[in-house]
Amino acid sequence: VENRDLQRDAKGRPRTLTSITITDGTSELDLAFFNQSW
């Protein structure tokens, strides 16, 4: 799991990207959640 801060939007509000990597033990797949750090 990785949380990253992104550039603020046009109104100056903070933006985040939560990147989560899931696996079946062999291969991986990324999950992306914007502004949902929880």
PDB file of all heavy atoms in Angstrom:
ATOM      1  N   VAL A   1       0.862  -1.189   0.000  1.00  0.00           N
ATOM      2  CA  VAL A   1       0.000   0.000   0.000  1.00  0.00           C
ATOM      3  C   VAL A   1       0.896   1.236   0.000  1.00  0.00           C
ATOM      4  O   VAL A   1       1.883   1.310   0.737  1.00  0.00           O
ATOM      5  CB  VAL A   1      -0.925   0.029   1.236  1.00  0.00           C
ATOM      6  CG1 VAL A   1      -1.850   1.250   1.174  1.00  0.00           C
ATOM      7  CG2 VAL A   1      -1.718  -1.250   1.346  1.00  0.00           C
ATOM      8  N   GLU A   2       0.541   2.218  -0.842  1.00  0.00           N
ATOM      9  CA  GLU A   2       1.310   3.455  -0.892  1.00  0.00           C
ATOM     10  C   GLU A   2       0.365   4.634  -1.045  1.00  0.00           C
ATOM     11  O   GLU A   2      -0.514   4.627  -1.900  1.00  0.00           O
ATOM     12  CB  GLU A   2       2.292   3.429  -2.076  1.00  0.00           C
ATOM     13  CG  GLU A   2       3.117   4.710  -2.189  1.00  0.00           C
ATOM     14  CD  GLU A   2       3.957   4.745  -3.459  1.00  0.00           C
ATOM     15  OE1 GLU A   2       3.862   3.788  -4.256  1.00  0.00           O
ATOM     16  OE2 GLU A   2       4.685   5.738  -3.661  1.00  0.00           O
ATOM     17  N   ASN A   3       0.542   5.632  -0.174  1.00  0.00           N
ATOM     18  CA  ASN A   3      -0.222   6.876  -0.259  1.00  0.00           C
ATOM     19  C   ASN A   3       0.688   7.969  -0.791  1.00  0.00           C
ATOM     20  O   ASN A   3       1.805   8.164  -0.287  1.00  0.00           O
ATOM     21  CB  ASN A   3      -0.728   7.284   1.131  1.00  0.00           C
ATOM     22  CG  ASN A   3      -2.202   6.979   1.293  1.00  0.00           C
ATOM     23  OD1 ASN A   3      -2.877   6.639   0.328  1.00  0.00           O
ATOM     24  ND2 ASN A   3      -2.700   7.081   2.517  1.00  0.00           N
ATOM     25  N   ARG A   4       0.219   8.697  -1.822  1.00  0.00           N
ATOM     26  CA  ARG A   4       1.023   9.780  -2.371  1.00  0.00           C
ATOM     27  C   ARG A   4       0.191  11.049  -2.476  1.00  0.00           C
ATOM     28  O   ARG A   4      -0.987  11.001  -2.835  1.00  0.00           O
ATOM     29  CB  ARG A   4       1.550   9.406  -3.766  1.00  0.00           C
ATOM     30  CG  ARG A   4       2.669   8.385  -3.745  1.00  0.00           C
ATOM     31  CD  ARG A   4       3.344   8.280  -5.102  1.00  0.00           C
ATOM     32  NE  ARG A   4       2.446   7.714  -6.113  1.00  0.00           N
ATOM     33  CZ  ARG A   4       2.310   8.205  -7.328  1.00  0.00           C
ATOM     34  NH1 ARG A   4       2.945   9.311  -7.683  1.00  0.00           N
ATOM     35  NH2 ARG A   4       1.516   7.621  -8.194  1.00  0.00           N
ATOM     36  N   ASP A   5       0.841  12.180  -2.155  1.00  0.00           N
ATOM     37  CA  ASP A   5       0.191  13.472  -2.337  1.00  0.00           C
ATOM     38  C   ASP A   5       0.397  13.931  -3.774  1.00  0.00           C
ATOM     39  O   ASP A   5       1.511  13.864  -4.310  1.00  0.00           O
ATOM     40  CB  ASP A   5       0.777  14.511  -1.374  1.00  0.00           C
ATOM     41  CG  ASP A   5       0.423  14.214   0.078  1.00  0.00           C
ATOM     42  OD1 ASP A   5      -0.689  13.694   0.305  1.00  0.00           O
ATOM     43  OD2 ASP A   5       1.275  14.464   0.958  1.00  0.00           O
ATOM     44  N   LEU A   6      -0.665  14.411  -4.404  1.00  0.00           N
ATOM     45  CA  LEU A   6      -0.604  14.913  -5.766  1.00  0.00           C
ATOM     46  C   LEU A   6      -0.685  16.433  -5.757  1.00  0.00           C
ATOM     47  O   LEU A   6      -0.923  17.062  -4.714  1.00  0.00           O
ATOM     48  CB  LEU A   6      -1.743  14.330  -6.600  1.00  0.00           C
ATOM     49  CG  LEU A   6      -1.840  12.801  -6.644  1.00  0.00           C
ATOM     50  CD1 LEU A   6      -3.087  12.394  -7.430  1.00  0.00           C
ATOM     51  CD2 LEU A   6      -0.587  12.194  -7.258  1.00  0.00           C
ATOM     52  N   GLN A   7      -0.501  17.039  -6.922  1.00  0.00           N
ATOM     53  CA  GLN A   7      -0.658  18.490  -7.017  1.00  0.00           C
ATOM     54  C   GLN A   7      -2.077  18.879  -6.654  1.00  0.00           C
ATOM     55  O   GLN A   7      -3.030  18.144  -6.952  1.00  0.00           O
ATOM     56  CB  GLN A   7      -0.349  18.961  -8.437  1.00  0.00           C
ATOM     57  CG  GLN A   7       1.119  18.893  -8.814  1.00  0.00           C
ATOM     58  CD  GLN A   7       1.355  19.476 -10.194  1.00  0.00           C
ATOM     59  OE1 GLN A   7       0.417  19.709 -10.954  1.00  0.00           O
ATOM     60  NE2 GLN A   7       2.614  19.737 -10.507  1.00  0.00           N
ATOM     61  N   ARG A   8      -2.209  20.018  -6.007  1.00  0.00           N
ATOM     62  CA  ARG A   8      -3.536  20.487  -5.636  1.00  0.00           C
ATOM     63  C   ARG A   8      -4.371  20.761  -6.886  1.00  0.00           C
ATOM     64  O   ARG A   8      -3.829  21.043  -7.952  1.00  0.00           O
ATOM     65  CB  ARG A   8      -3.437  21.756  -4.782  1.00  0.00           C
ATOM     66  CG  ARG A   8      -2.842  21.504  -3.411  1.00  0.00           C
ATOM     67  CD  ARG A   8      -2.668  22.780  -2.612  1.00  0.00           C
ATOM     68  NE  ARG A   8      -2.185  22.500  -1.273  1.00  0.00           N
ATOM     69  CZ  ARG A   8      -2.983  22.309  -0.213  1.00  0.00           C
ATOM     70  NH1 ARG A   8      -4.300  22.421  -0.362  1.00  0.00           N
ATOM     71  NH2 ARG A   8      -2.465  22.041   0.959  1.00  0.00           N
ATOM     72  N   ASP A   9      -5.692  20.673  -6.745  1.00  0.00           N
ATOM     73  CA  ASP A   9      -6.552  20.913  -7.902  1.00  0.00           C
ATOM     74  C   ASP A   9      -6.658  22.411  -8.177  1.00  0.00           C
ATOM     75  O   ASP A   9      -6.016  23.232  -7.501  1.00  0.00           O
ATOM     76  CB  ASP A   9      -7.937  20.289  -7.694  1.00  0.00           C
ATOM     77  CG  ASP A   9      -8.708  20.919  -6.540  1.00  0.00           C
ATOM     78  OD1 ASP A   9      -8.340  22.018  -6.094  1.00  0.00           O
ATOM     79  OD2 ASP A   9      -9.698  20.306  -6.083  1.00  0.00           O
ATOM     80  N   ALA A  10      -7.481  22.789  -9.161  1.00  0.00           N
ATOM     81  CA  ALA A  10      -7.568  24.189  -9.601  1.00  0.00           C
ATOM     82  C   ALA A  10      -8.048  25.115  -8.492  1.00  0.00           C
ATOM     83  O   ALA A  10      -7.770  26.325  -8.521  1.00  0.00           O
ATOM     84  CB  ALA A  10      -8.503  24.282 -10.810  1.00  0.00           C
ATOM     85  N   LYS A  11      -8.772  24.577  -7.517  1.00  0.00           N
ATOM     86  CA  LYS A  11      -9.276  25.403  -6.409  1.00  0.00           C
ATOM     87  C   LYS A  11      -8.370  25.341  -5.192  1.00  0.00           C
ATOM     88  O   LYS A  11      -8.738  25.812  -4.121  1.00  0.00           O
ATOM     89  CB  LYS A  11     -10.692  24.961  -6.040  1.00  0.00           C
ATOM     90  CG  LYS A  11     -11.707  25.206  -7.155  1.00  0.00           C
ATOM     91  CD  LYS A  11     -13.114  24.845  -6.695  1.00  0.00           C
ATOM     92  CE  LYS A  11     -14.131  25.140  -7.801  1.00  0.00           C
ATOM     93  NZ  LYS A  11     -15.523  24.811  -7.376  1.00  0.00           N
ATOM     94  N   GLY A  12      -7.191  24.704  -5.370  1.00  0.00           N
ATOM     95  CA  GLY A  12      -6.239  24.671  -4.267  1.00  0.00           C
ATOM     96  C   GLY A  12      -6.480  23.564  -3.268  1.00  0.00           C
ATOM     97  O   GLY A  12      -5.811  23.509  -2.217  1.00  0.00           O
ATOM     98  N   ARG A  13      -7.401  22.658  -3.554  1.00  0.00           N
ATOM     99  CA  ARG A  13      -7.686  21.576  -2.616  1.00  0.00           C
ATOM    100  C   ARG A  13      -6.658  20.467  -2.769  1.00  0.00           C
ATOM    101  O   ARG A  13      -6.227  20.161  -3.882  1.00  0.00           O
ATOM    102  CB  ARG A  13      -9.090  21.026  -2.853  1.00  0.00           C
ATOM    103  CG  ARG A  13     -10.191  22.023  -2.481  1.00  0.00           C
ATOM    104  CD  ARG A  13     -11.563  21.536  -2.878  1.00  0.00           C
ATOM    105  NE  ARG A  13     -11.685  21.359  -4.332  1.00  0.00           N
ATOM    106  CZ  ARG A  13     -12.848  21.229  -4.967  1.00  0.00           C
ATOM    107  NH1 ARG A  13     -13.983  21.244  -4.283  1.00  0.00           N
ATOM    108  NH2 ARG A  13     -12.864  21.086  -6.279  1.00  0.00           N
ATOM    109  N   PRO A  14      -6.285  19.816  -1.660  1.00  0.00           N
ATOM    110  CA  PRO A  14      -5.283  18.746  -1.736  1.00  0.00           C
ATOM    111  C   PRO A  14      -5.842  17.516  -2.450  1.00  0.00           C
ATOM    112  O   PRO A  14      -7.038  17.245  -2.413  1.00  0.00           O
ATOM    113  CB  PRO A  14      -4.976  18.439  -0.258  1.00  0.00           C
ATOM    114  CG  PRO A  14      -6.196  18.886   0.486  1.00  0.00           C
ATOM    115  CD  PRO A  14      -6.724  20.065  -0.270  1.00  0.00           C
ATOM    116  N   ARG A  15      -4.939  16.792  -3.139  1.00  0.00           N
ATOM    117  CA  ARG A  15      -5.325  15.564  -3.838  1.00  0.00           C
ATOM    118  C   ARG A  15      -4.351  14.462  -3.451  1.00  0.00           C
ATOM    119  O   ARG A  15      -3.149  14.708  -3.291  1.00  0.00           O
ATOM    120  CB  ARG A  15      -5.298  15.768  -5.360  1.00  0.00           C
ATOM    121  CG  ARG A  15      -6.316  16.770  -5.866  1.00  0.00           C
ATOM    122  CD  ARG A  15      -6.077  17.142  -7.323  1.00  0.00           C
ATOM    123  NE  ARG A  15      -6.231  15.978  -8.200  1.00  0.00           N
ATOM    124  CZ  ARG A  15      -5.288  15.547  -9.030  1.00  0.00           C
ATOM    125  NH1 ARG A  15      -4.120  16.167  -9.103  1.00  0.00           N
ATOM    126  NH2 ARG A  15      -5.503  14.488  -9.792  1.00  0.00           N
ATOM    127  N   THR A  16      -4.909  13.253  -3.316  1.00  0.00           N
ATOM    128  CA  THR A  16      -4.067  12.113  -2.945  1.00  0.00           C
ATOM    129  C   THR A  16      -4.356  10.936  -3.870  1.00  0.00           C
ATOM    130  O   THR A  16      -5.428  10.836  -4.469  1.00  0.00           O
ATOM    131  CB  THR A  16      -4.343  11.654  -1.498  1.00  0.00           C
ATOM    132  OG1 THR A  16      -5.707  11.235  -1.396  1.00  0.00           O
ATOM    133  CG2 THR A  16      -4.064  12.771  -0.504  1.00  0.00           C
ATOM    134  N   LEU A  17      -3.364  10.058  -3.984  1.00  0.00           N
ATOM    135  CA  LEU A  17      -3.518   8.809  -4.721  1.00  0.00           C
ATOM    136  C   LEU A  17      -3.100   7.667  -3.808  1.00  0.00           C
ATOM    137  O   LEU A  17      -1.964   7.652  -3.306  1.00  0.00           O
ATOM    138  CB  LEU A  17      -2.656   8.800  -5.983  1.00  0.00           C
ATOM    139  CG  LEU A  17      -2.541   7.447  -6.696  1.00  0.00           C
ATOM    140  CD1 LEU A  17      -3.908   6.985  -7.206  1.00  0.00           C
ATOM    141  CD2 LEU A  17      -1.539   7.519  -7.846  1.00  0.00           C
ATOM    142  N   THR A  18      -4.031   6.758  -3.582  1.00  0.00           N
ATOM    143  CA  THR A  18      -3.713   5.554  -2.817  1.00  0.00           C
ATOM    144  C   THR A  18      -3.517   4.418  -3.809  1.00  0.00           C
ATOM    145  O   THR A  18      -4.460   4.018  -4.496  1.00  0.00           O
ATOM    146  CB  THR A  18      -4.841   5.205  -1.829  1.00  0.00           C
ATOM    147  OG1 THR A  18      -5.044   6.316  -0.946  1.00  0.00           O
ATOM    148  CG2 THR A  18      -4.493   3.960  -1.029  1.00  0.00           C
ATOM    149  N   SER A  19      -2.293   3.941  -3.929  1.00  0.00           N
ATOM    150  CA  SER A  19      -1.967   2.842  -4.837  1.00  0.00           C
ATOM    151  C   SER A  19      -1.806   1.565  -4.026  1.00  0.00           C
ATOM    152  O   SER A  19      -1.012   1.516  -3.085  1.00  0.00           O
ATOM    153  CB  SER A  19      -0.663   3.131  -5.593  1.00  0.00           C
ATOM    154  OG  SER A  19      -0.807   4.255  -6.421  1.00  0.00           O
ATOM    155  N   ILE A  20      -2.558   0.565  -4.409  1.00  0.00           N
ATOM    156  CA  ILE A  20      -2.533  -0.715  -3.696  1.00  0.00           C
ATOM    157  C   ILE A  20      -2.217  -1.800  -4.714  1.00  0.00           C
ATOM    158  O   ILE A  20      -2.824  -1.843  -5.793  1.00  0.00           O
ATOM    159  CB  ILE A  20      -3.887  -0.990  -3.012  1.00  0.00           C
ATOM    160  CG1 ILE A  20      -4.164   0.098  -1.970  1.00  0.00           C
ATOM    161  CG2 ILE A  20      -3.912  -2.380  -2.387  1.00  0.00           C
ATOM    162  CD1 ILE A  20      -5.541   0.030  -1.359  1.00  0.00           C
ATOM    163  N   THR A  21      -1.290  -2.641  -4.408  1.00  0.00           N
ATOM    164  CA  THR A  21      -0.933  -3.760  -5.283  1.00  0.00           C
ATOM    165  C   THR A  21      -1.487  -5.041  -4.683  1.00  0.00           C
ATOM    166  O   THR A  21      -1.232  -5.340  -3.508  1.00  0.00           O
ATOM    167  CB  THR A  21       0.588  -3.874  -5.443  1.00  0.00           C
ATOM    168  OG1 THR A  21       1.092  -2.658  -5.996  1.00  0.00           O
ATOM    169  CG2 THR A  21       0.943  -5.031  -6.371  1.00  0.00           C
ATOM    170  N   ILE A  22      -2.270  -5.774  -5.487  1.00  0.00           N
ATOM    171  CA  ILE A  22      -2.795  -7.063  -5.037  1.00  0.00           C
ATOM    172  C   ILE A  22      -2.130  -8.166  -5.846  1.00  0.00           C
ATOM    173  O   ILE A  22      -1.628  -7.935  -6.948  1.00  0.00           O
ATOM    174  CB  ILE A  22      -4.328  -7.141  -5.178  1.00  0.00           C
ATOM    175  CG1 ILE A  22      -4.761  -6.945  -6.642  1.00  0.00           C
ATOM    176  CG2 ILE A  22      -4.999  -6.115  -4.274  1.00  0.00           C
ATOM    177  CD1 ILE A  22      -6.266  -7.119  -6.863  1.00  0.00           C
ATOM    178  N   THR A  23      -2.113  -9.375  -5.288  1.00  0.00           N
ATOM    179  CA  THR A  23      -1.387 -10.465  -5.932  1.00  0.00           C
ATOM    180  C   THR A  23      -2.110 -11.792  -5.763  1.00  0.00           C
ATOM    181  O   THR A  23      -2.901 -11.961  -4.819  1.00  0.00           O
ATOM    182  CB  THR A  23       0.039 -10.580  -5.346  1.00  0.00           C
ATOM    183  OG1 THR A  23       0.739 -11.643  -6.000  1.00  0.00           O
ATOM    184  CG2 THR A  23      -0.003 -10.854  -3.851  1.00  0.00           C
ATOM    185  N   ASP A  24      -1.834 -12.696  -6.699  1.00  0.00           N
ATOM    186  CA  ASP A  24      -2.304 -14.076  -6.564  1.00  0.00           C
ATOM    187  C   ASP A  24      -1.146 -14.992  -6.186  1.00  0.00           C
ATOM    188  O   ASP A  24      -1.266 -16.222  -6.245  1.00  0.00           O
ATOM    189  CB  ASP A  24      -2.958 -14.557  -7.865  1.00  0.00           C
ATOM    190  CG  ASP A  24      -1.996 -14.536  -9.052  1.00  0.00           C
ATOM    191  OD1 ASP A  24      -0.792 -14.246  -8.851  1.00  0.00           O
ATOM    192  OD2 ASP A  24      -2.430 -14.809 -10.185  1.00  0.00           O
ATOM    193  N   GLY A  25      -0.013 -14.386  -5.836  1.00  0.00           N
ATOM    194  CA  GLY A  25       1.169 -15.151  -5.494  1.00  0.00           C
ATOM    195  C   GLY A  25       2.152 -15.226  -6.630  1.00  0.00           C
ATOM    196  O   GLY A  25       3.339 -15.500  -6.422  1.00  0.00           O
ATOM    197  N   THR A  26       1.675 -14.970  -7.842  1.00  0.00           N
ATOM    198  CA  THR A  26       2.547 -15.011  -9.022  1.00  0.00           C
ATOM    199  C   THR A  26       2.511 -13.684  -9.770  1.00  0.00           C
ATOM    200  O   THR A  26       3.549 -13.099 -10.077  1.00  0.00           O
ATOM    201  CB  THR A  26       2.118 -16.141  -9.976  1.00  0.00           C
ATOM    202  OG1 THR A  26       2.133 -17.379  -9.274  1.00  0.00           O
ATOM    203  CG2 THR A  26       3.059 -16.227 -11.172  1.00  0.00           C
ATOM    204  N   SER A  27       1.297 -13.227 -10.079  1.00  0.00           N
ATOM    205  CA  SER A  27       1.121 -11.980 -10.830  1.00  0.00           C
ATOM    206  C   SER A  27       0.541 -10.906  -9.921  1.00  0.00           C
ATOM    207  O   SER A  27       0.037 -11.190  -8.823  1.00  0.00           O
ATOM    208  CB  SER A  27       0.190 -12.211 -12.022  1.00  0.00           C
ATOM    209  OG  SER A  27       0.699 -13.212 -12.871  1.00  0.00           O
ATOM    210  N   GLU A  28       0.618  -9.663 -10.409  1.00  0.00           N
ATOM    211  CA  GLU A  28       0.141  -8.530  -9.625  1.00  0.00           C
ATOM    212  C   GLU A  28      -0.838  -7.688 -10.433  1.00  0.00           C
ATOM    213  O   GLU A  28      -0.862  -7.733 -11.663  1.00  0.00           O
ATOM    214  CB  GLU A  28       1.322  -7.655  -9.182  1.00  0.00           C
ATOM    215  CG  GLU A  28       2.289  -8.359  -8.251  1.00  0.00           C
ATOM    216  CD  GLU A  28       3.449  -7.464  -7.851  1.00  0.00           C
ATOM    217  OE1 GLU A  28       3.620  -6.395  -8.507  1.00  0.00           O
ATOM    218  OE2 GLU A  28       4.163  -7.804  -6.896  1.00  0.00           O
ATOM    219  N   LEU A  29      -1.637  -6.910  -9.708  1.00  0.00           N
ATOM    220  CA  LEU A  29      -2.585  -5.980 -10.308  1.00  0.00           C
ATOM    221  C   LEU A  29      -2.645  -4.756  -9.416  1.00  0.00           C
ATOM    222  O   LEU A  29      -2.696  -4.879  -8.177  1.00  0.00           O
ATOM    223  CB  LEU A  29      -3.972  -6.633 -10.422  1.00  0.00           C
ATOM    224  CG  LEU A  29      -5.083  -5.816 -11.082  1.00  0.00           C
ATOM    225  CD1 LEU A  29      -4.808  -5.641 -12.576  1.00  0.00           C
ATOM    226  CD2 LEU A  29      -6.434  -6.513 -10.888  1.00  0.00           C
ATOM    227  N   ASP A  30      -2.635  -3.573 -10.014  1.00  0.00           N
ATOM    228  CA  ASP A  30      -2.680  -2.335  -9.236  1.00  0.00           C
ATOM    229  C   ASP A  30      -4.112  -1.872  -9.043  1.00  0.00           C
ATOM    230  O   ASP A  30      -4.955  -1.988  -9.947  1.00  0.00           O
ATOM    231  CB  ASP A  30      -1.898  -1.231  -9.953  1.00  0.00           C
ATOM    232  CG  ASP A  30      -0.401  -1.502  -9.958  1.00  0.00           C
ATOM    233  OD1 ASP A  30       0.054  -2.266  -9.086  1.00  0.00           O
ATOM    234  OD2 ASP A  30       0.293  -0.954 -10.828  1.00  0.00           O
ATOM    235  N   LEU A  31      -4.373  -1.313  -7.858  1.00  0.00           N
ATOM    236  CA  LEU A  31      -5.640  -0.641  -7.572  1.00  0.00           C
ATOM    237  C   LEU A  31      -5.336   0.840  -7.368  1.00  0.00           C
ATOM    238  O   LEU A  31      -4.326   1.189  -6.750  1.00  0.00           O
ATOM    239  CB  LEU A  31      -6.301  -1.194  -6.314  1.00  0.00           C
ATOM    240  CG  LEU A  31      -6.432  -2.711  -6.170  1.00  0.00           C
ATOM    241  CD1 LEU A  31      -7.138  -3.055  -4.860  1.00  0.00           C
ATOM    242  CD2 LEU A  31      -7.182  -3.303  -7.341  1.00  0.00           C
ATOM    243  N   ALA A  32      -6.189   1.706  -7.860  1.00  0.00           N
ATOM    244  CA  ALA A  32      -5.975   3.142  -7.723  1.00  0.00           C
ATOM    245  C   ALA A  32      -7.214   3.786  -7.103  1.00  0.00           C
ATOM    246  O   ALA A  32      -8.331   3.614  -7.607  1.00  0.00           O
ATOM    247  CB  ALA A  32      -5.680   3.772  -9.084  1.00  0.00           C
ATOM    248  N   PHE A  33      -6.991   4.531  -5.997  1.00  0.00           N
ATOM    249  CA  PHE A  33      -8.068   5.277  -5.343  1.00  0.00           C
ATOM    250  C   PHE A  33      -7.620   6.731  -5.209  1.00  0.00           C
ATOM    251  O   PHE A  33      -6.589   7.017  -4.577  1.00  0.00           O
ATOM    252  CB  PHE A  33      -8.361   4.712  -3.947  1.00  0.00           C
ATOM    253  CG  PHE A  33      -8.896   3.314  -3.939  1.00  0.00           C
ATOM    254  CD1 PHE A  33      -8.049   2.233  -3.784  1.00  0.00           C
ATOM    255  CD2 PHE A  33     -10.255   3.087  -4.087  1.00  0.00           C
ATOM    256  CE1 PHE A  33      -8.543   0.939  -3.764  1.00  0.00           C
ATOM    257  CE2 PHE A  33     -10.765   1.790  -4.067  1.00  0.00           C
ATOM    258  CZ  PHE A  33      -9.903   0.713  -3.915  1.00  0.00           C
ATOM    259  N   PHE A  34      -8.364   7.652  -5.806  1.00  0.00           N
ATOM    260  CA  PHE A  34      -8.028   9.070  -5.734  1.00  0.00           C
ATOM    261  C   PHE A  34      -8.818   9.731  -4.604  1.00  0.00           C
ATOM    262  O   PHE A  34     -10.045   9.539  -4.484  1.00  0.00           O
ATOM    263  CB  PHE A  34      -8.327   9.769  -7.059  1.00  0.00           C
ATOM    264  CG  PHE A  34      -7.411   9.348  -8.175  1.00  0.00           C
ATOM    265  CD1 PHE A  34      -7.758   8.298  -9.017  1.00  0.00           C
ATOM    266  CD2 PHE A  34      -6.187   9.986  -8.363  1.00  0.00           C
ATOM    267  CE1 PHE A  34      -6.908   7.901 -10.032  1.00  0.00           C
ATOM    268  CE2 PHE A  34      -5.337   9.596  -9.383  1.00  0.00           C
ATOM    269  CZ  PHE A  34      -5.687   8.547 -10.218  1.00  0.00           C
ATOM    270  N   ASN A  35      -8.091  10.486  -3.790  1.00  0.00           N
ATOM    271  CA  ASN A  35      -8.695  11.241  -2.676  1.00  0.00           C
ATOM    272  C   ASN A  35      -9.474  10.340  -1.730  1.00  0.00           C
ATOM    273  O   ASN A  35     -10.522  10.710  -1.200  1.00  0.00           O
ATOM    274  CB  ASN A  35      -9.614  12.346  -3.219  1.00  0.00           C
ATOM    275  CG  ASN A  35      -8.866  13.352  -4.064  1.00  0.00           C
ATOM    276  OD1 ASN A  35      -7.689  13.623  -3.819  1.00  0.00           O
ATOM    277  ND2 ASN A  35      -9.532  13.896  -5.067  1.00  0.00           N
ATOM    278  N   GLN A  36      -8.987   9.139  -1.540  1.00  0.00           N
ATOM    279  CA  GLN A  36      -9.625   8.193  -0.606  1.00  0.00           C
ATOM    280  C   GLN A  36      -8.529   7.502   0.210  1.00  0.00           C
ATOM    281  O   GLN A  36      -8.412   6.275   0.228  1.00  0.00           O
ATOM    282  CB  GLN A  36     -10.469   7.159  -1.367  1.00  0.00           C
ATOM    283  CG  GLN A  36     -11.642   7.765  -2.124  1.00  0.00           C
ATOM    284  CD  GLN A  36     -12.484   6.716  -2.835  1.00  0.00           C
ATOM    285  OE1 GLN A  36     -12.392   5.527  -2.559  1.00  0.00           O
ATOM    286  NE2 GLN A  36     -13.322   7.166  -3.753  1.00  0.00           N
ATOM    287  N   SER A  37      -7.726   8.299   0.871  1.00  0.00           N
ATOM    288  CA  SER A  37      -6.580   7.752   1.594  1.00  0.00           C
ATOM    289  C   SER A  37      -6.991   6.803   2.711  1.00  0.00           C
ATOM    290  O   SER A  37      -6.200   5.954   3.136  1.00  0.00           O
ATOM    291  CB  SER A  37      -5.730   8.901   2.173  1.00  0.00           C
ATOM    292  OG  SER A  37      -6.522   9.740   3.001  1.00  0.00           O
ATOM    293  N   TRP A  38      -8.236   6.913   3.153  1.00  0.00           N
ATOM    294  CA  TRP A  38      -8.701   6.023   4.221  1.00  0.00           C
ATOM    295  C   TRP A  38      -8.804   4.566   3.773  1.00  0.00           C
ATOM    296  O   TRP A  38      -8.933   3.654   4.594  1.00  0.00           O
ATOM    297  CB  TRP A  38     -10.060   6.485   4.748  1.00  0.00           C
ATOM    298  CG  TRP A  38     -11.106   6.676   3.685  1.00  0.00           C
ATOM    299  CD1 TRP A  38     -11.359   7.819   2.997  1.00  0.00           C
ATOM    300  CD2 TRP A  38     -12.014   5.696   3.178  1.00  0.00           C
ATOM    301  NE1 TRP A  38     -12.371   7.633   2.090  1.00  0.00           N
ATOM    302  CE2 TRP A  38     -12.803   6.328   2.184  1.00  0.00           C
ATOM    303  CE3 TRP A  38     -12.249   4.355   3.466  1.00  0.00           C
ATOM    304  CZ2 TRP A  38     -13.794   5.665   1.475  1.00  0.00           C
ATOM    305  CZ3 TRP A  38     -13.248   3.692   2.777  1.00  0.00           C
ATOM    306  CH2 TRP A  38     -13.999   4.338   1.783  1.00  0.00           C
TER     307      TRP A  38
END
